[in-house]
Structures are given as structure tokens and as C-alpha cells.
Protein backbone atom coordinates (compact mmCIF):
# COMPACT_ATOMS: atom_id res chain seq x y z
CA UNK A 1 44.25 -9.98 -6.50
CA UNK A 2 40.50 -9.99 -5.76
CA UNK A 3 39.47 -8.84 -2.31
CA UNK A 4 37.16 -11.20 -0.42
CA UNK A 5 34.40 -8.95 0.97
CA UNK A 6 32.34 -9.86 4.01
CA UNK A 7 28.58 -10.02 3.41
CA UNK A 8 26.68 -7.07 4.98
CA UNK A 9 24.45 -9.50 6.95
CA UNK A 10 27.42 -11.28 8.59
CA UNK A 11 27.48 -9.12 11.74
CA UNK A 12 23.71 -8.88 12.21
CA UNK A 13 22.29 -12.19 10.92
CA UNK A 14 25.17 -14.61 11.39
CA UNK A 15 26.85 -16.96 8.92
CA UNK A 16 25.68 -17.07 5.27
CA UNK A 17 24.55 -17.99 2.72
CA UNK A 18 21.29 -16.06 3.14
CA UNK A 19 18.10 -16.93 1.30
CA UNK A 20 14.59 -15.49 1.07
CA UNK A 21 11.96 -17.89 2.47
CA UNK A 22 8.75 -15.90 3.01
CA UNK A 23 6.84 -12.70 3.65
CA UNK A 24 4.77 -11.25 6.51
CA UNK A 25 2.81 -7.99 6.40
CA UNK A 26 1.81 -5.98 9.46
CA UNK A 27 -1.33 -3.87 9.00
CA UNK A 28 -2.91 -1.41 11.38
CA UNK A 29 -6.67 -1.93 11.32
CA UNK A 30 -8.68 0.71 13.21
CA UNK A 31 -11.29 -1.87 14.24
CA UNK A 32 -9.10 -4.88 15.01
CA UNK A 33 -5.78 -3.26 15.94
CA UNK A 34 -2.58 -4.77 14.57
CA UNK A 35 -3.12 -7.57 12.04
CA UNK A 36 -0.25 -9.80 10.89
CA UNK A 37 -0.76 -11.70 7.61
CA UNK A 38 1.36 -13.88 5.35
CA UNK A 39 3.80 -16.63 6.32
CA UNK A 40 3.11 -16.20 10.05
CA UNK A 41 3.90 -19.88 10.68
CA UNK A 42 7.58 -19.03 10.19
CA UNK A 43 9.13 -18.34 13.58
CA UNK A 44 11.81 -15.67 13.35
CA UNK A 45 14.49 -15.07 15.97
CA UNK A 46 13.51 -11.54 17.02
CA UNK A 47 9.86 -11.22 15.99
CA UNK A 48 8.29 -9.05 13.31
CA UNK A 49 8.17 -5.26 13.03
CA UNK A 50 11.88 -4.39 13.17
CA UNK A 51 14.50 -5.18 10.55
CA UNK A 52 17.02 -7.56 12.11
CA UNK A 53 19.77 -6.10 9.91
CA UNK A 54 19.36 -2.31 10.12
CA UNK A 55 16.87 -2.01 13.05
CA UNK A 56 14.40 0.17 11.14
CA UNK A 57 10.71 -0.28 11.90
CA UNK A 58 9.08 -2.30 9.09
CA UNK A 59 5.57 -3.33 8.13
CA UNK A 60 6.63 -5.54 5.23
CA UNK A 61 8.78 -8.28 6.72
CA UNK A 62 10.80 -10.44 4.32
CA UNK A 63 11.97 -13.64 6.02
CA UNK A 64 15.60 -14.64 5.45
CA UNK A 65 17.26 -17.94 6.43
CA UNK A 66 20.95 -17.79 7.30
CA UNK A 67 23.54 -20.57 6.88
CA UNK A 68 22.71 -21.99 10.32
CA UNK A 69 19.01 -22.32 9.43
CA UNK A 70 17.87 -19.46 11.69
CA UNK A 71 15.13 -17.17 10.39
CA UNK A 72 15.29 -13.38 10.50
CA UNK A 73 12.95 -10.62 9.38
CA UNK A 74 14.33 -7.82 7.17
CA UNK A 75 12.78 -4.88 5.30
CA UNK A 76 12.30 -4.25 1.60
CA UNK A 77 15.68 -2.52 1.17
CA UNK A 78 17.69 -5.10 3.11
CA UNK A 79 16.11 -8.12 1.35
CA UNK A 80 17.96 -7.02 -1.79
CA UNK A 81 21.22 -7.93 -0.04
CA UNK A 82 20.45 -11.67 0.23
CA UNK A 83 22.33 -14.24 -1.82
CA UNK A 84 20.62 -16.10 -4.65
CA UNK A 85 20.31 -19.81 -3.93
CA UNK A 86 18.81 -22.83 -5.68
CA UNK A 87 15.39 -22.48 -4.05
CA UNK A 88 14.64 -18.80 -4.88
CA UNK A 89 15.95 -16.71 -7.72
CA UNK A 90 16.78 -13.15 -6.58
CA UNK A 91 15.13 -11.75 -9.70
CA UNK A 92 11.86 -13.20 -8.43
CA UNK A 93 12.45 -11.64 -4.99
CA UNK A 94 13.12 -8.25 -6.60
CA UNK A 95 9.92 -8.57 -8.65
CA UNK A 96 7.95 -9.58 -5.54
CA UNK A 97 9.25 -6.58 -3.60
CA UNK A 98 8.40 -4.21 -6.45
CA UNK A 99 4.92 -5.76 -6.84
CA UNK A 100 4.28 -5.29 -3.12
CA UNK A 101 5.45 -1.67 -3.15
CA UNK A 102 3.36 -0.90 -6.27
CA UNK A 103 0.30 -2.55 -4.72
CA UNK A 104 0.71 -0.43 -1.59
CA UNK A 105 1.02 2.76 -3.66
CA UNK A 106 -2.03 1.80 -5.71
CA UNK A 107 -4.10 1.03 -2.60
CA UNK A 108 -3.13 4.35 -1.06
CA UNK A 109 -4.10 6.17 -4.28
CA UNK A 110 -7.46 4.36 -4.46
CA UNK A 111 -8.17 5.13 -0.80
CA UNK A 112 -7.42 8.82 -1.36
CA UNK A 113 -9.71 8.90 -4.44
CA UNK A 114 -12.51 7.17 -2.52
CA UNK A 115 -12.27 9.65 0.35
CA UNK A 116 -12.31 12.57 -2.12
CA UNK A 117 -15.48 11.23 -3.78
CA UNK A 118 -17.15 10.79 -0.38
CA UNK A 119 -16.21 14.39 0.38
CA UNK A 120 -17.65 15.51 -2.99
CA UNK A 121 -20.90 13.65 -2.36
CA UNK A 122 -21.14 15.21 1.11
CA UNK A 123 -20.67 18.68 -0.39
CA UNK A 124 -23.40 18.02 -2.98
CA UNK A 125 -25.76 16.76 -0.26
CA UNK A 126 -24.98 19.79 1.95
CA UNK A 127 -25.84 22.12 -0.96
CA UNK A 128 -28.77 20.07 -2.26
CA UNK A 129 -31.40 22.82 -1.86
CA UNK A 130 -29.38 25.32 -3.90
CA UNK A 131 -28.48 22.76 -6.56
CA UNK A 132 -32.08 21.54 -6.88
CA UNK A 133 -33.16 25.11 -7.65
CA UNK A 134 -30.71 25.31 -10.59
CA UNK A 135 -31.62 23.87 -14.00
CA UNK A 136 -29.81 20.89 -15.50
CA UNK A 137 -26.95 22.09 -17.80
CA UNK A 138 -28.43 20.08 -20.71
CA UNK A 139 -31.57 21.75 -22.16
CA UNK A 140 -33.29 18.43 -22.87
CA UNK A 141 -32.89 17.15 -19.31
CA UNK A 142 -33.81 20.59 -17.93
CA UNK A 143 -37.09 20.35 -19.89
CA UNK A 144 -37.65 16.95 -18.22
CA UNK A 145 -37.43 18.63 -14.80
CA UNK A 146 -33.90 17.49 -13.99
CA UNK A 147 -31.69 19.81 -11.94
CA UNK A 148 -28.03 20.53 -11.44
CA UNK A 149 -28.27 18.31 -8.34
CA UNK A 150 -29.33 15.35 -10.53
CA UNK A 151 -26.49 16.10 -12.96
CA UNK A 152 -23.85 16.22 -10.21
CA UNK A 153 -25.11 13.02 -8.58
CA UNK A 154 -24.97 11.24 -11.95
CA UNK A 155 -21.49 12.52 -12.82
CA UNK A 156 -20.16 12.26 -9.29
CA UNK A 157 -17.11 14.54 -9.30
CA UNK A 158 -13.71 13.29 -8.21
CA UNK A 159 -13.56 15.72 -5.28
CA UNK A 160 -15.42 18.57 -3.59
CA UNK A 161 -13.50 21.27 -5.50
CA UNK A 162 -14.57 19.78 -8.82
CA UNK A 163 -18.17 19.61 -7.55
CA UNK A 164 -18.10 23.32 -6.61
CA UNK A 165 -16.62 24.20 -10.01
CA UNK A 166 -19.20 22.18 -11.97
CA UNK A 167 -22.01 23.63 -9.87
CA UNK A 168 -20.77 27.12 -10.64
CA UNK A 169 -20.70 28.04 -6.96
């Protein structure tokens, strides 16, 4: 005989079925403070920033509607526990969550690379006098009066360590 299991949201979000209805992202902007974007017109029961199911702090708030029509905010792990309904296919929700996570990882990686290049450029500028006294590594450009400084600024290294290595310092 099949056992009738209670949905994990039953105790925290009320009566099911549960369906995904929107997304809100909380960003921390150093100039503007906290910025909330997305489906902010949706009014959830307990506000954004804490998962209404597991109580973890969240910055990516997935909005869930319960069987009574009340809206709750849950995190990226808990959204996977919602039921599929006619309006939203859970496969689409899973893809949306993965896209969001991948976009965040990509943005973090790009930010790190940008900061490393800024650091590399700063190192080159700080050592400009030494680098300008060194000839360009290519004989033709060296004969044109180009220096190792010109070469490094053209081929801006990915980080300061690579700049030091290419400069031979």
C-alpha cells in the first residue's frame, strides 16, 4: 500500500498545491545600498531576504503561491520542492534557477578578472620608468623606439604576476 507523504512545505507555507510565480533579487550596491529587483510588485507574507521554508538568508527570492493564494519567498534549493502546475512547468523553473546561478558565477568571474587587469595595469604604471628603459621584445618594434612598457600596455596581462613575469622583473 502506497504511503501518502506530506509535502515538505506543509508546515511552513500552509496548504498546497505550491506553484512558482516570480523572482526577486536582492543586491548590495556600495553606492545605493540594498537594491531589490524583479517581480517586486508581488507582496509576500514575510518579506524578502529570508527563506520562508528553511529560514536561511537569501538574495535570490523565488516566489511561491500556496493553495490558499498566499505568496511566500523561498531560496534556490527550496524552490525545487514546489509542485508542477498548469501555469509553470517545473523543468522551466529548474532551468531558470540554473541560469541564474550560472549568471552569478559568470559575473563573479568577470569581476575578478577585471580587478586583476586593473591591478596589472597599476603595476605596469608603477614600474613605468624601468619598463620604458627596456627595449621592446620584438627587434622590429625595438628599432622603432618601442619599449617593454609599450609592449605590456598593448598586451595587457591578465594579472600583476603575469605582468612581472613578462617584464622579466
